[in-house]
Amino acid sequence: MIQRLALAGMLLMLARPAWAQETGFTIDRAESVFGVVTHKGGVAARFAHNHFVFPSEYECPMALTQGTIESLAFSLTFKTSALDSDLPDAQKKWYPELEKCGVLKEPFREISKEDRATIREHMLAEDQLDAVGHPTITAELIGLRRESTTFGETSWDWMANIALTVRGKRVEREVPARIALKDGNLRIDAVGAFRFTEFGIKPYSAMLGAVKNEDEFHVFAHIQARAG
């Protein structure tokens, strides 16, 4: 009797559908980025810079909970103080993708190490991201739905509902995405627009506003991951 029950249990386990088991993914951090592009503005914008900001360290568990792309789930968390700005190698690597997405029309200008340090100091200050008062930033994928659209020179086949939390304020938005899964390799591209004022931040300005950041900024994600 006990043997028959054990055999029946094994058969039930084998009969479970493939999607019943969650599939986790490991991100290739060398070929992935979660970035933000800020845009220069003001009457003296030609003397200013667009900026490329991204976390150097982050946690991002990612999985297909039911074996389909629609069931993709991930939650990105990183320390506000882990943000880097305008690293030359990253600017050169990701600019072509940002241009295709319609986020930028001109390459980033290279910024000296000293100026990058000053920019980062302003970025983390209390009146901007407030790294002391709000030490973490999160982005969560809430849901996916199929929808073909065009953004920039790129065609997108999904709309991703993203919740971005900055300075303790959570903003949800649908952004276009491309997602491909083949032989255990997952690739995700996504881009979307937010505004600093949605998070209670007045865009940085200097020289009485002659040089400033535009209110609108873009989030950009390129993720390559492997199952297992």
Protein backbone atom coordinates (compact mmCIF):
# COMPACT_ATOMS: atom_id res chain seq x y z
CA MET A 1 0.00 0.00 0.00
CA ILE A 2 2.75 2.42 0.96
CA GLN A 3 4.64 1.61 -2.27
CA ARG A 4 1.49 2.23 -4.36
CA LEU A 5 0.95 5.62 -2.66
CA ALA A 6 4.59 6.61 -3.26
CA LEU A 7 4.31 5.63 -6.93
CA ALA A 8 1.10 7.61 -7.29
CA GLY A 9 2.78 10.67 -5.76
CA MET A 10 5.69 10.41 -8.19
CA LEU A 11 3.28 10.17 -11.15
CA LEU A 12 1.41 13.27 -9.96
CA MET A 13 4.68 15.22 -9.74
CA LEU A 14 5.63 14.16 -13.27
CA ALA A 15 2.18 15.14 -14.51
CA ARG A 16 2.49 18.74 -13.25
CA PRO A 17 2.67 21.27 -16.12
CA ALA A 18 6.09 22.77 -16.90
CA TRP A 19 4.96 26.24 -15.88
CA ALA A 20 4.21 25.07 -12.33
CA GLN A 21 7.87 25.58 -11.43
CA GLU A 22 9.32 29.07 -11.26
CA THR A 23 12.30 29.78 -13.52
CA GLY A 24 14.86 32.14 -12.05
CA PHE A 25 17.37 34.18 -14.07
CA THR A 26 20.86 35.48 -13.40
CA ILE A 27 21.64 38.89 -14.89
CA ASP A 28 24.81 39.38 -16.92
CA ARG A 29 25.91 42.57 -15.21
CA ALA A 30 28.66 43.33 -17.71
CA GLU A 31 26.09 43.50 -20.52
CA SER A 32 23.17 45.01 -18.62
CA VAL A 33 22.31 48.49 -17.42
CA PHE A 34 19.50 50.26 -15.57
CA GLY A 35 20.08 53.88 -16.57
CA VAL A 36 18.57 57.35 -16.42
CA VAL A 37 19.17 60.09 -18.99
CA THR A 38 18.70 63.70 -17.91
CA HIS A 39 18.36 66.40 -20.56
CA LYS A 40 20.01 69.81 -20.59
CA GLY A 41 17.90 72.94 -20.83
CA GLY A 42 17.91 76.70 -20.31
CA VAL A 43 19.00 79.55 -22.54
CA ALA A 44 22.63 78.46 -22.18
CA ALA A 45 21.92 74.77 -22.81
CA ARG A 46 24.73 74.58 -25.38
CA PHE A 47 27.18 74.93 -22.48
CA ALA A 48 25.45 72.22 -20.43
CA HIS A 49 25.44 68.43 -20.61
CA ASN A 50 23.02 65.56 -20.92
CA HIS A 51 23.81 63.07 -18.18
CA PHE A 52 23.80 59.28 -18.01
CA VAL A 53 23.24 57.97 -14.49
CA PHE A 54 23.07 54.34 -13.35
CA PRO A 55 23.66 52.24 -10.22
CA SER A 56 27.02 50.49 -9.94
CA GLU A 57 25.55 47.92 -7.54
CA TYR A 58 21.99 46.63 -7.33
CA GLU A 59 19.77 43.71 -6.41
CA CYS A 60 17.33 42.47 -9.02
CA PRO A 61 15.70 39.06 -8.53
CA MET A 62 14.05 38.03 -11.79
CA ALA A 63 11.88 35.04 -12.66
CA LEU A 64 9.17 33.63 -14.89
CA THR A 65 6.58 32.55 -12.35
CA GLN A 66 4.45 30.54 -14.83
CA GLY A 67 6.84 29.83 -17.67
CA THR A 68 5.52 32.57 -19.98
CA ILE A 69 6.84 36.05 -20.73
CA GLU A 70 3.59 37.50 -19.38
CA SER A 71 4.51 36.04 -15.98
CA LEU A 72 7.90 37.79 -15.85
CA ALA A 73 8.53 39.43 -12.49
CA PHE A 74 11.43 41.47 -11.18
CA SER A 75 12.14 44.11 -8.59
CA LEU A 76 15.21 46.35 -8.82
CA THR A 77 16.59 47.84 -5.59
CA PHE A 78 19.74 49.87 -5.09
CA LYS A 79 21.25 52.41 -2.73
CA THR A 80 20.85 56.00 -3.87
CA SER A 81 24.52 56.49 -3.05
CA ALA A 82 25.42 53.70 -5.52
CA LEU A 83 24.56 55.93 -8.49
CA ASP A 84 27.40 56.80 -10.87
CA SER A 85 27.24 59.62 -13.40
CA ASP A 86 28.75 60.12 -16.84
CA LEU A 87 31.39 57.40 -16.84
CA PRO A 88 33.02 57.71 -20.29
CA ASP A 89 33.04 53.97 -21.11
CA ALA A 90 29.36 53.64 -20.25
CA GLN A 91 28.48 56.74 -22.27
CA LYS A 92 30.16 55.32 -25.36
CA LYS A 93 28.76 51.83 -24.89
CA TRP A 94 25.11 52.79 -24.44
CA TYR A 95 24.76 55.92 -26.57
CA PRO A 96 23.99 53.99 -29.82
CA GLU A 97 21.09 52.20 -28.09
CA LEU A 98 19.81 55.46 -26.61
CA GLU A 99 19.94 57.10 -30.04
CA LYS A 100 17.93 54.25 -31.60
CA CYS A 101 15.36 54.58 -28.85
CA GLY A 102 14.91 58.27 -29.63
CA VAL A 103 16.14 59.35 -26.20
CA LEU A 104 19.15 61.33 -27.49
CA LYS A 105 20.10 63.01 -30.76
CA GLU A 106 23.74 63.81 -29.97
CA PRO A 107 26.50 61.87 -28.19
CA PHE A 108 27.33 62.55 -24.58
CA ARG A 109 30.14 64.99 -23.93
CA GLU A 110 33.01 63.59 -21.92
CA ILE A 111 33.20 65.17 -18.46
CA SER A 112 36.33 65.39 -16.32
CA LYS A 113 36.67 63.29 -13.18
CA GLU A 114 36.56 66.42 -11.02
CA ASP A 115 33.36 67.70 -12.67
CA ARG A 116 31.77 64.24 -12.38
CA ALA A 117 32.41 64.32 -8.65
CA THR A 118 30.74 67.73 -8.39
CA ILE A 119 27.75 66.59 -10.46
CA ARG A 120 27.35 63.50 -8.28
CA GLU A 121 27.49 65.63 -5.13
CA HIS A 122 24.69 67.87 -6.43
CA MET A 123 22.69 64.82 -7.57
CA LEU A 124 22.72 63.20 -4.12
CA ALA A 125 22.07 66.45 -2.22
CA GLU A 126 19.06 66.95 0.04
CA ASP A 127 17.13 69.07 -2.49
CA GLN A 128 17.66 66.49 -5.25
CA LEU A 129 17.73 62.70 -4.62
CA ASP A 130 18.46 63.15 -0.89
CA ALA A 131 20.66 60.08 -0.48
CA VAL A 132 20.71 60.49 3.31
CA GLY A 133 16.97 60.90 3.88
CA HIS A 134 15.95 58.44 1.15
CA PRO A 135 18.75 55.87 0.91
CA THR A 136 17.10 53.46 -1.58
CA ILE A 137 15.49 53.62 -5.01
CA THR A 138 13.30 50.84 -6.40
CA ALA A 139 11.74 49.88 -9.71
CA GLU A 140 9.21 47.06 -9.95
CA LEU A 141 7.63 45.34 -12.93
CA ILE A 142 3.92 45.16 -12.14
CA GLY A 143 2.63 43.64 -15.37
CA LEU A 144 3.10 43.08 -19.10
CA ARG A 145 0.76 43.16 -22.04
CA ARG A 146 1.35 42.72 -25.75
CA GLU A 147 1.11 45.89 -27.80
CA SER A 148 3.11 46.88 -30.87
CA THR A 149 4.34 50.46 -30.93
CA THR A 150 7.20 52.62 -32.21
CA PHE A 151 9.42 54.84 -30.07
CA GLY A 152 12.34 56.54 -31.78
CA GLU A 153 13.64 54.26 -34.54
CA THR A 154 12.79 51.12 -32.58
CA SER A 155 9.75 48.85 -32.75
CA TRP A 156 8.45 47.52 -29.45
CA ASP A 157 6.15 44.55 -28.90
CA TRP A 158 5.23 44.88 -25.22
CA MET A 159 3.99 47.49 -22.78
CA ALA A 160 5.48 47.14 -19.31
CA ASN A 161 3.77 48.62 -16.27
CA ILE A 162 6.61 49.93 -14.09
CA ALA A 163 6.47 51.38 -10.58
CA LEU A 164 9.40 53.70 -9.83
CA THR A 165 9.96 54.87 -6.25
CA VAL A 166 12.28 57.84 -5.69
CA ARG A 167 12.43 59.97 -2.52
CA GLY A 168 9.67 57.80 -1.10
CA LYS A 169 7.23 58.71 -3.92
CA ARG A 170 5.91 55.88 -6.10
CA VAL A 171 4.94 56.61 -9.71
CA GLU A 172 3.46 53.98 -12.02
CA ARG A 173 3.77 54.19 -15.79
CA GLU A 174 3.46 51.99 -18.85
CA VAL A 175 6.61 52.01 -20.97
CA PRO A 176 7.39 50.26 -24.29
CA ALA A 177 9.55 47.17 -24.08
CA ARG A 178 11.08 44.43 -26.22
CA ILE A 179 11.42 41.00 -24.67
CA ALA A 180 12.96 37.88 -26.20
CA LEU A 181 13.44 34.46 -24.62
CA LYS A 182 15.35 31.73 -26.45
CA ASP A 183 17.21 28.67 -25.15
CA GLY A 184 17.20 30.02 -21.61
CA ASN A 185 18.58 33.42 -22.66
CA LEU A 186 16.41 36.41 -21.77
CA ARG A 187 16.84 39.87 -23.27
CA ILE A 188 14.82 42.89 -22.20
CA ASP A 189 14.93 46.44 -23.55
CA ALA A 190 12.67 49.16 -22.17
CA VAL A 191 12.48 52.95 -22.26
CA GLY A 192 10.10 55.46 -20.73
CA ALA A 193 9.68 59.08 -19.67
CA PHE A 194 9.12 60.44 -16.16
CA ARG A 195 9.33 63.92 -14.61
CA PHE A 196 11.40 65.06 -11.65
CA THR A 197 8.44 67.03 -10.29
CA GLU A 198 6.42 63.79 -10.04
CA PHE A 199 8.84 62.80 -7.27
CA GLY A 200 8.85 66.17 -5.54
CA ILE A 201 12.18 67.22 -7.06
CA LYS A 202 12.81 70.62 -8.59
CA PRO A 203 15.15 70.04 -11.57
CA TYR A 204 18.70 71.19 -10.89
CA SER A 205 19.56 74.65 -12.22
CA ALA A 206 22.49 77.06 -12.08
CA MET A 207 23.34 80.56 -13.30
CA LEU A 208 19.82 81.76 -12.41
CA GLY A 209 18.30 79.04 -14.56
CA ALA A 210 20.40 79.73 -17.66
CA VAL A 211 21.75 76.18 -17.31
CA LYS A 212 19.43 73.52 -15.95
CA ASN A 213 18.01 70.04 -16.31
CA GLU A 214 14.70 69.63 -18.08
CA ASP A 215 11.86 68.32 -15.95
CA GLU A 216 11.46 65.26 -18.16
CA PHE A 217 13.99 62.46 -17.89
CA HIS A 218 14.14 58.98 -19.44
CA VAL A 219 14.67 55.60 -17.88
CA PHE A 220 16.45 53.03 -20.03
CA ALA A 221 16.98 49.36 -19.28
CA HIS A 222 18.94 46.78 -21.25
CA ILE A 223 19.03 43.41 -19.54
CA GLN A 224 20.64 40.15 -20.60
CA ALA A 225 20.05 37.21 -18.30
CA ARG A 226 20.42 33.44 -18.24
CA ALA A 227 18.03 30.90 -16.72
CA GLY A 228 19.25 28.99 -13.70
